Amino acid sequence: MEDDLVKAYALEAQKAMEEEAKRRIAEQTDAEEEERLRNTRIEDVVETEHLVPVLLSRLGTVRAALDGHGGGIAVARWERVANGFDFVLDLTGACLSCGAAPGTLEGVRNDLEADTEIEGVRFSSSLLDTFDELGREFILAHGNVEFVDVPSGN
């Protein structure tokens, strides 16, 4: 009985957070433009300045955290693979060294990998340099994402 009550409250809280995130995203974005971006093929913009907005349009509730906290994403490297694209991303702005970064990184990865054009999302190991030692240990242990080195110039 107690477990059922905890589950019910958790579902209610999750629903409320998702609704709030959608509201915040709607307040900060142009719905028509977001729809246009979501319907834009990554293949058509991968080598243009439109890539990041197209990727952002594919994010769910994690987008509210990025937008609301003055952060964003940057593409450190991309590669065509058999079923689409692999991306190595960086966080930008206030998202760097944020205590919520492990959840943000995982949310970004999960949302983007749900797209049929995206095969994989990893993150630049340079992100780890923005955290203190404890933060690095925490994100490596609990981030549920992969970090890779990105050579300069890529």
N, C-alpha and C. Protein backbone atom coordinates (compact mmCIF):
# COMPACT_ATOMS: atom_id res chain seq x y z
N MET A 1 0.82 -1.19 0.00
CA MET A 1 0.00 0.00 0.00
C MET A 1 0.87 1.26 0.00
N GLU A 2 1.87 1.28 0.90
CA GLU A 2 2.75 2.46 0.98
C GLU A 2 3.54 2.64 -0.31
N ASP A 3 4.02 1.53 -0.91
CA ASP A 3 4.74 1.60 -2.17
C ASP A 3 3.86 2.16 -3.28
N ASP A 4 2.59 1.77 -3.30
CA ASP A 4 1.66 2.29 -4.30
C ASP A 4 1.46 3.79 -4.16
N LEU A 5 1.41 4.27 -2.93
CA LEU A 5 1.25 5.69 -2.67
C LEU A 5 2.49 6.47 -3.12
N VAL A 6 3.66 5.93 -2.83
CA VAL A 6 4.91 6.56 -3.26
C VAL A 6 4.96 6.63 -4.78
N LYS A 7 4.61 5.53 -5.45
CA LYS A 7 4.60 5.50 -6.91
C LYS A 7 3.60 6.52 -7.47
N ALA A 8 2.44 6.61 -6.86
CA ALA A 8 1.42 7.55 -7.33
C ALA A 8 1.91 8.99 -7.20
N TYR A 9 2.52 9.33 -6.07
CA TYR A 9 3.07 10.68 -5.89
C TYR A 9 4.21 10.95 -6.87
N ALA A 10 5.05 9.95 -7.10
CA ALA A 10 6.16 10.12 -8.04
C ALA A 10 5.64 10.38 -9.44
N LEU A 11 4.63 9.65 -9.87
CA LEU A 11 4.04 9.86 -11.19
C LEU A 11 3.39 11.24 -11.29
N GLU A 12 2.72 11.65 -10.23
CA GLU A 12 2.09 12.96 -10.20
C GLU A 12 3.14 14.07 -10.28
N ALA A 13 4.23 13.91 -9.54
CA ALA A 13 5.31 14.90 -9.55
C ALA A 13 5.96 14.96 -10.93
N GLN A 14 6.20 13.80 -11.54
CA GLN A 14 6.80 13.76 -12.87
C GLN A 14 5.91 14.44 -13.89
N LYS A 15 4.62 14.19 -13.81
CA LYS A 15 3.67 14.81 -14.74
C LYS A 15 3.68 16.33 -14.56
N ALA A 16 3.70 16.79 -13.32
CA ALA A 16 3.72 18.23 -13.05
C ALA A 16 5.01 18.87 -13.58
N MET A 17 6.15 18.18 -13.42
CA MET A 17 7.42 18.71 -13.92
C MET A 17 7.42 18.78 -15.44
N GLU A 18 6.88 17.76 -16.08
CA GLU A 18 6.82 17.76 -17.55
C GLU A 18 5.93 18.88 -18.07
N GLU A 19 4.79 19.09 -17.40
CA GLU A 19 3.89 20.18 -17.81
C GLU A 19 4.55 21.54 -17.62
N GLU A 20 5.26 21.71 -16.51
CA GLU A 20 5.96 22.97 -16.26
C GLU A 20 7.07 23.18 -17.28
N ALA A 21 7.80 22.12 -17.61
CA ALA A 21 8.86 22.23 -18.61
C ALA A 21 8.28 22.62 -19.96
N LYS A 22 7.18 22.01 -20.36
CA LYS A 22 6.54 22.35 -21.64
C LYS A 22 6.08 23.80 -21.64
N ARG A 23 5.54 24.26 -20.52
CA ARG A 23 5.09 25.65 -20.42
C ARG A 23 6.27 26.60 -20.58
N ARG A 24 7.37 26.31 -19.90
CA ARG A 24 8.55 27.17 -19.99
C ARG A 24 9.13 27.20 -21.40
N ILE A 25 9.19 26.04 -22.03
CA ILE A 25 9.69 25.97 -23.40
C ILE A 25 8.79 26.79 -24.32
N ALA A 26 7.50 26.66 -24.16
CA ALA A 26 6.55 27.41 -24.99
C ALA A 26 6.70 28.91 -24.80
N GLU A 27 6.99 29.34 -23.57
CA GLU A 27 7.18 30.77 -23.30
C GLU A 27 8.44 31.32 -23.96
N GLN A 28 9.46 30.50 -24.10
CA GLN A 28 10.76 30.98 -24.57
C GLN A 28 11.04 30.69 -26.04
N THR A 29 10.14 29.99 -26.70
CA THR A 29 10.38 29.65 -28.09
C THR A 29 9.17 30.01 -28.95
N ASP A 30 9.40 30.08 -30.24
CA ASP A 30 8.34 30.30 -31.22
C ASP A 30 7.86 28.93 -31.67
N ALA A 31 6.62 28.59 -31.38
CA ALA A 31 6.09 27.25 -31.64
C ALA A 31 6.20 26.86 -33.11
N GLU A 32 5.91 27.78 -34.01
CA GLU A 32 5.99 27.47 -35.44
C GLU A 32 7.44 27.20 -35.86
N GLU A 33 8.36 28.01 -35.36
CA GLU A 33 9.77 27.82 -35.69
C GLU A 33 10.28 26.50 -35.12
N GLU A 34 9.89 26.18 -33.90
CA GLU A 34 10.29 24.91 -33.29
C GLU A 34 9.77 23.72 -34.09
N GLU A 35 8.55 23.82 -34.56
CA GLU A 35 7.97 22.75 -35.37
C GLU A 35 8.74 22.62 -36.69
N ARG A 36 9.07 23.74 -37.31
CA ARG A 36 9.84 23.72 -38.56
C ARG A 36 11.20 23.07 -38.32
N LEU A 37 11.86 23.45 -37.22
CA LEU A 37 13.17 22.88 -36.90
C LEU A 37 13.08 21.38 -36.63
N ARG A 38 12.05 20.96 -35.89
CA ARG A 38 11.87 19.53 -35.60
C ARG A 38 11.67 18.72 -36.88
N ASN A 39 11.05 19.33 -37.87
CA ASN A 39 10.78 18.65 -39.13
C ASN A 39 11.91 18.78 -40.14
N THR A 40 12.97 19.48 -39.77
CA THR A 40 14.14 19.63 -40.64
C THR A 40 15.04 18.43 -40.47
N ARG A 41 15.43 17.86 -41.58
CA ARG A 41 16.33 16.71 -41.52
C ARG A 41 17.73 17.17 -41.09
N ILE A 42 18.32 16.42 -40.20
CA ILE A 42 19.68 16.72 -39.76
C ILE A 42 20.62 16.68 -40.95
N GLU A 43 20.41 15.73 -41.83
CA GLU A 43 21.21 15.59 -43.04
C GLU A 43 21.29 16.91 -43.81
N ASP A 44 20.21 17.68 -43.80
CA ASP A 44 20.15 18.93 -44.57
C ASP A 44 20.88 20.09 -43.90
N VAL A 45 21.18 19.98 -42.61
CA VAL A 45 21.78 21.12 -41.90
C VAL A 45 23.08 20.78 -41.17
N VAL A 46 23.55 19.55 -41.30
CA VAL A 46 24.68 19.10 -40.49
C VAL A 46 25.94 19.95 -40.71
N GLU A 47 26.08 20.54 -41.86
CA GLU A 47 27.27 21.36 -42.12
C GLU A 47 26.95 22.85 -42.08
N THR A 48 25.89 23.24 -41.38
CA THR A 48 25.49 24.64 -41.33
C THR A 48 25.34 25.12 -39.88
N GLU A 49 25.13 26.42 -39.74
CA GLU A 49 24.90 27.01 -38.42
C GLU A 49 23.52 26.64 -37.86
N HIS A 50 22.70 25.97 -38.65
CA HIS A 50 21.36 25.59 -38.20
C HIS A 50 21.35 24.27 -37.44
N LEU A 51 22.48 23.58 -37.39
CA LEU A 51 22.53 22.27 -36.75
C LEU A 51 22.13 22.34 -35.27
N VAL A 52 22.71 23.24 -34.51
CA VAL A 52 22.40 23.30 -33.07
C VAL A 52 20.93 23.61 -32.83
N PRO A 53 20.32 24.61 -33.50
CA PRO A 53 18.89 24.82 -33.30
C PRO A 53 18.04 23.59 -33.66
N VAL A 54 18.44 22.85 -34.70
CA VAL A 54 17.70 21.64 -35.08
C VAL A 54 17.85 20.59 -33.98
N LEU A 55 19.04 20.44 -33.43
CA LEU A 55 19.23 19.49 -32.33
C LEU A 55 18.45 19.92 -31.09
N LEU A 56 18.50 21.20 -30.76
CA LEU A 56 17.76 21.69 -29.59
C LEU A 56 16.26 21.44 -29.73
N SER A 57 15.75 21.56 -30.93
CA SER A 57 14.31 21.36 -31.15
C SER A 57 13.89 19.92 -30.86
N ARG A 58 14.83 19.01 -30.85
CA ARG A 58 14.53 17.61 -30.62
C ARG A 58 14.59 17.24 -29.13
N LEU A 59 14.95 18.19 -28.29
CA LEU A 59 15.02 17.93 -26.86
C LEU A 59 13.65 18.04 -26.22
N GLY A 60 13.42 17.23 -25.21
CA GLY A 60 12.17 17.28 -24.46
C GLY A 60 12.30 18.20 -23.26
N THR A 61 11.94 17.68 -22.09
CA THR A 61 11.90 18.52 -20.88
C THR A 61 13.27 19.06 -20.48
N VAL A 62 14.35 18.37 -20.86
CA VAL A 62 15.69 18.86 -20.52
C VAL A 62 15.94 20.23 -21.19
N ARG A 63 15.22 20.51 -22.25
CA ARG A 63 15.37 21.81 -22.94
C ARG A 63 15.01 22.96 -21.99
N ALA A 64 14.02 22.75 -21.14
CA ALA A 64 13.63 23.80 -20.20
C ALA A 64 14.77 24.12 -19.24
N ALA A 65 15.49 23.09 -18.81
CA ALA A 65 16.63 23.31 -17.91
C ALA A 65 17.73 24.08 -18.63
N LEU A 66 18.03 23.69 -19.86
CA LEU A 66 19.07 24.39 -20.62
C LEU A 66 18.68 25.86 -20.82
N ASP A 67 17.49 26.07 -21.37
CA ASP A 67 17.04 27.44 -21.66
C ASP A 67 16.90 28.27 -20.39
N GLY A 68 16.32 27.66 -19.37
CA GLY A 68 16.04 28.39 -18.14
C GLY A 68 17.26 28.77 -17.34
N HIS A 69 18.35 28.05 -17.54
CA HIS A 69 19.56 28.31 -16.78
C HIS A 69 20.66 28.94 -17.62
N GLY A 70 20.31 29.42 -18.81
CA GLY A 70 21.28 30.12 -19.64
C GLY A 70 22.35 29.22 -20.23
N GLY A 71 21.99 27.98 -20.48
CA GLY A 71 22.95 27.06 -21.06
C GLY A 71 22.54 26.63 -22.44
N GLY A 72 23.32 25.74 -22.99
CA GLY A 72 23.03 25.22 -24.31
C GLY A 72 23.95 24.08 -24.66
N ILE A 73 23.97 23.73 -25.92
CA ILE A 73 24.86 22.69 -26.41
C ILE A 73 25.67 23.22 -27.58
N ALA A 74 26.79 22.61 -27.80
CA ALA A 74 27.63 22.89 -28.97
C ALA A 74 28.08 21.55 -29.52
N VAL A 75 28.24 21.49 -30.83
CA VAL A 75 28.69 20.26 -31.47
C VAL A 75 30.22 20.32 -31.57
N ALA A 76 30.88 19.41 -30.86
CA ALA A 76 32.34 19.35 -30.89
C ALA A 76 32.82 18.55 -32.09
N ARG A 77 32.04 17.54 -32.47
CA ARG A 77 32.39 16.70 -33.60
C ARG A 77 31.16 15.93 -34.04
N TRP A 78 31.05 15.65 -35.32
CA TRP A 78 29.99 14.79 -35.82
C TRP A 78 30.57 13.88 -36.88
N GLU A 79 29.87 12.77 -37.08
CA GLU A 79 30.33 11.78 -38.05
C GLU A 79 29.11 11.05 -38.61
N ARG A 80 29.14 10.83 -39.92
CA ARG A 80 28.10 10.01 -40.55
C ARG A 80 28.39 8.55 -40.22
N VAL A 81 27.36 7.83 -39.83
CA VAL A 81 27.48 6.39 -39.58
C VAL A 81 26.38 5.69 -40.37
N ALA A 82 26.36 4.39 -40.31
CA ALA A 82 25.44 3.60 -41.13
C ALA A 82 23.98 4.05 -41.01
N ASN A 83 23.53 4.32 -39.80
CA ASN A 83 22.11 4.64 -39.59
C ASN A 83 21.86 6.12 -39.26
N GLY A 84 22.78 6.99 -39.60
CA GLY A 84 22.56 8.40 -39.31
C GLY A 84 23.82 9.11 -38.92
N PHE A 85 23.80 9.69 -37.72
CA PHE A 85 24.93 10.50 -37.26
C PHE A 85 25.29 10.15 -35.83
N ASP A 86 26.58 10.27 -35.56
CA ASP A 86 27.11 10.24 -34.19
C ASP A 86 27.55 11.66 -33.87
N PHE A 87 27.23 12.12 -32.68
CA PHE A 87 27.62 13.46 -32.26
C PHE A 87 28.43 13.40 -30.98
N VAL A 88 29.41 14.29 -30.89
CA VAL A 88 30.10 14.57 -29.64
C VAL A 88 29.74 16.00 -29.31
N LEU A 89 29.13 16.19 -28.15
CA LEU A 89 28.62 17.50 -27.76
C LEU A 89 29.37 18.06 -26.57
N ASP A 90 29.27 19.38 -26.43
CA ASP A 90 29.71 20.12 -25.24
C ASP A 90 28.49 20.83 -24.68
N LEU A 91 28.50 21.11 -23.39
CA LEU A 91 27.53 22.03 -22.80
C LEU A 91 28.13 23.42 -22.89
N THR A 92 27.27 24.42 -22.94
CA THR A 92 27.74 25.80 -23.00
C THR A 92 27.06 26.63 -21.92
N GLY A 93 27.58 27.81 -21.72
CA GLY A 93 26.97 28.77 -20.80
C GLY A 93 26.95 28.29 -19.37
N ALA A 94 25.87 28.59 -18.69
CA ALA A 94 25.74 28.30 -17.26
C ALA A 94 25.68 26.81 -16.95
N CYS A 95 25.48 25.99 -17.98
CA CYS A 95 25.41 24.55 -17.74
C CYS A 95 26.76 23.96 -17.39
N LEU A 96 27.83 24.65 -17.74
CA LEU A 96 29.15 24.15 -17.39
C LEU A 96 29.30 24.14 -15.88
N SER A 97 29.75 23.07 -15.36
CA SER A 97 30.03 22.85 -13.93
C SER A 97 28.81 22.93 -13.03
N CYS A 98 27.62 22.84 -13.59
CA CYS A 98 26.39 22.84 -12.79
C CYS A 98 26.24 21.51 -12.08
N GLY A 99 25.73 21.54 -10.89
CA GLY A 99 25.52 20.31 -10.12
C GLY A 99 24.50 19.38 -10.76
N ALA A 100 23.64 19.91 -11.61
CA ALA A 100 22.64 19.08 -12.29
C ALA A 100 23.15 18.54 -13.62
N ALA A 101 24.39 18.81 -13.95
CA ALA A 101 24.93 18.40 -15.25
C ALA A 101 24.78 16.90 -15.54
N PRO A 102 24.98 16.00 -14.58
CA PRO A 102 24.81 14.58 -14.94
C PRO A 102 23.41 14.28 -15.49
N GLY A 103 22.40 14.81 -14.87
CA GLY A 103 21.03 14.60 -15.36
C GLY A 103 20.78 15.31 -16.67
N THR A 104 21.37 16.49 -16.83
CA THR A 104 21.22 17.23 -18.08
C THR A 104 21.87 16.48 -19.22
N LEU A 105 23.08 15.99 -19.02
CA LEU A 105 23.77 15.25 -20.06
C LEU A 105 22.99 14.00 -20.46
N GLU A 106 22.52 13.28 -19.47
CA GLU A 106 21.76 12.05 -19.76
C GLU A 106 20.46 12.38 -20.49
N GLY A 107 19.80 13.46 -20.08
CA GLY A 107 18.56 13.87 -20.74
C GLY A 107 18.79 14.27 -22.19
N VAL A 108 19.86 15.02 -22.44
CA VAL A 108 20.21 15.42 -23.80
C VAL A 108 20.47 14.18 -24.64
N ARG A 109 21.30 13.28 -24.12
CA ARG A 109 21.61 12.05 -24.86
C ARG A 109 20.35 11.24 -25.15
N ASN A 110 19.53 11.01 -24.14
CA ASN A 110 18.33 10.20 -24.33
C ASN A 110 17.38 10.81 -25.36
N ASP A 111 17.17 12.12 -25.26
CA ASP A 111 16.25 12.78 -26.21
C ASP A 111 16.79 12.73 -27.63
N LEU A 112 18.07 12.99 -27.79
CA LEU A 112 18.63 13.00 -29.14
C LEU A 112 18.72 11.60 -29.73
N GLU A 113 19.08 10.62 -28.92
CA GLU A 113 19.17 9.26 -29.44
C GLU A 113 17.80 8.67 -29.76
N ALA A 114 16.74 9.30 -29.30
CA ALA A 114 15.39 8.87 -29.66
C ALA A 114 15.05 9.26 -31.10
N ASP A 115 15.82 10.17 -31.68
CA ASP A 115 15.60 10.62 -33.05
C ASP A 115 16.16 9.56 -34.01
N THR A 116 15.42 9.26 -35.06
CA THR A 116 15.83 8.21 -35.99
C THR A 116 17.08 8.56 -36.79
N GLU A 117 17.43 9.83 -36.88
CA GLU A 117 18.63 10.23 -37.62
C GLU A 117 19.90 10.20 -36.77
N ILE A 118 19.73 9.97 -35.46
CA ILE A 118 20.88 10.03 -34.56
C ILE A 118 21.17 8.65 -33.99
N GLU A 119 22.37 8.18 -34.29
CA GLU A 119 22.79 6.86 -33.84
C GLU A 119 23.37 6.92 -32.43
N GLY A 120 24.16 7.97 -32.13
CA GLY A 120 24.79 8.03 -30.83
C GLY A 120 25.15 9.45 -30.43
N VAL A 121 25.17 9.68 -29.13
CA VAL A 121 25.56 10.97 -28.56
C VAL A 121 26.53 10.70 -27.43
N ARG A 122 27.70 11.32 -27.54
CA ARG A 122 28.70 11.28 -26.48
C ARG A 122 29.06 12.72 -26.16
N PHE A 123 29.90 12.91 -25.16
CA PHE A 123 30.24 14.26 -24.74
C PHE A 123 31.75 14.43 -24.71
N SER A 124 32.17 15.65 -24.98
CA SER A 124 33.60 15.97 -25.00
C SER A 124 34.18 15.84 -23.60
N SER A 125 35.31 15.17 -23.51
CA SER A 125 35.97 15.01 -22.20
C SER A 125 36.42 16.36 -21.64
N SER A 126 36.51 17.38 -22.48
CA SER A 126 36.88 18.71 -21.98
C SER A 126 35.85 19.25 -20.99
N LEU A 127 34.63 18.74 -21.06
CA LEU A 127 33.60 19.13 -20.08
C LEU A 127 34.04 18.77 -18.67
N LEU A 128 34.73 17.66 -18.55
CA LEU A 128 35.15 17.21 -17.22
C LEU A 128 36.10 18.20 -16.56
N ASP A 129 36.84 18.96 -17.37
CA ASP A 129 37.76 19.96 -16.83
C ASP A 129 37.05 21.14 -16.16
N THR A 130 35.76 21.29 -16.43
CA THR A 130 35.01 22.41 -15.84
C THR A 130 34.51 22.10 -14.43
N PHE A 131 34.68 20.85 -14.02
CA PHE A 131 34.23 20.44 -12.69
C PHE A 131 35.42 20.31 -11.75
N ASP A 132 35.16 20.51 -10.46
CA ASP A 132 36.21 20.23 -9.49
C ASP A 132 36.33 18.71 -9.36
N GLU A 133 37.28 18.24 -8.57
CA GLU A 133 37.55 16.81 -8.48
C GLU A 133 36.32 16.01 -8.04
N LEU A 134 35.61 16.50 -7.04
CA LEU A 134 34.42 15.81 -6.56
C LEU A 134 33.35 15.77 -7.64
N GLY A 135 33.17 16.89 -8.34
CA GLY A 135 32.19 16.94 -9.42
C GLY A 135 32.52 15.98 -10.54
N ARG A 136 33.80 15.90 -10.89
CA ARG A 136 34.25 14.95 -11.94
C ARG A 136 33.95 13.52 -11.52
N GLU A 137 34.30 13.19 -10.28
CA GLU A 137 34.06 11.83 -9.79
C GLU A 137 32.56 11.51 -9.83
N PHE A 138 31.75 12.48 -9.42
CA PHE A 138 30.30 12.26 -9.39
C PHE A 138 29.75 12.05 -10.79
N ILE A 139 30.13 12.91 -11.72
CA ILE A 139 29.58 12.80 -13.08
C ILE A 139 30.06 11.53 -13.77
N LEU A 140 31.28 11.10 -13.50
CA LEU A 140 31.77 9.86 -14.09
C LEU A 140 31.05 8.65 -13.49
N ALA A 141 30.72 8.72 -12.21
CA ALA A 141 30.06 7.60 -11.55
C ALA A 141 28.56 7.56 -11.82
N HIS A 142 27.93 8.72 -11.97
CA HIS A 142 26.47 8.77 -12.04
C HIS A 142 25.90 9.42 -13.29
N GLY A 143 26.75 9.86 -14.19
CA GLY A 143 26.28 10.57 -15.37
C GLY A 143 25.63 9.72 -16.43
N ASN A 144 25.93 8.42 -16.46
CA ASN A 144 25.37 7.51 -17.46
C ASN A 144 25.57 7.99 -18.88
N VAL A 145 26.69 8.65 -19.13
CA VAL A 145 27.05 9.10 -20.47
C VAL A 145 28.53 8.80 -20.70
N GLU A 146 28.91 8.83 -21.97
CA GLU A 146 30.30 8.56 -22.32
C GLU A 146 31.01 9.85 -22.70
N PHE A 147 32.25 9.98 -22.24
CA PHE A 147 33.08 11.14 -22.58
C PHE A 147 34.20 10.67 -23.49
N VAL A 148 34.50 11.48 -24.51
CA VAL A 148 35.57 11.15 -25.44
C VAL A 148 36.44 12.37 -25.69
N ASP A 149 37.69 12.12 -26.03
CA ASP A 149 38.60 13.21 -26.37
C ASP A 149 38.28 13.70 -27.78
N VAL A 150 38.32 15.00 -27.95
CA VAL A 150 38.13 15.62 -29.25
C VAL A 150 39.41 16.37 -29.58
N PRO A 151 40.14 15.89 -30.59
CA PRO A 151 41.37 16.58 -30.96
C PRO A 151 41.09 18.02 -31.37
N SER A 152 42.03 18.91 -31.12
CA SER A 152 41.89 20.32 -31.51
C SER A 152 41.69 20.41 -33.01
N GLY A 153 40.85 21.36 -33.41
CA GLY A 153 40.62 21.59 -34.82
C GLY A 153 39.46 20.80 -35.38
N ASN A 154 38.77 19.98 -34.58
CA ASN A 154 37.63 19.21 -35.04
C ASN A 154 36.34 19.81 -34.60
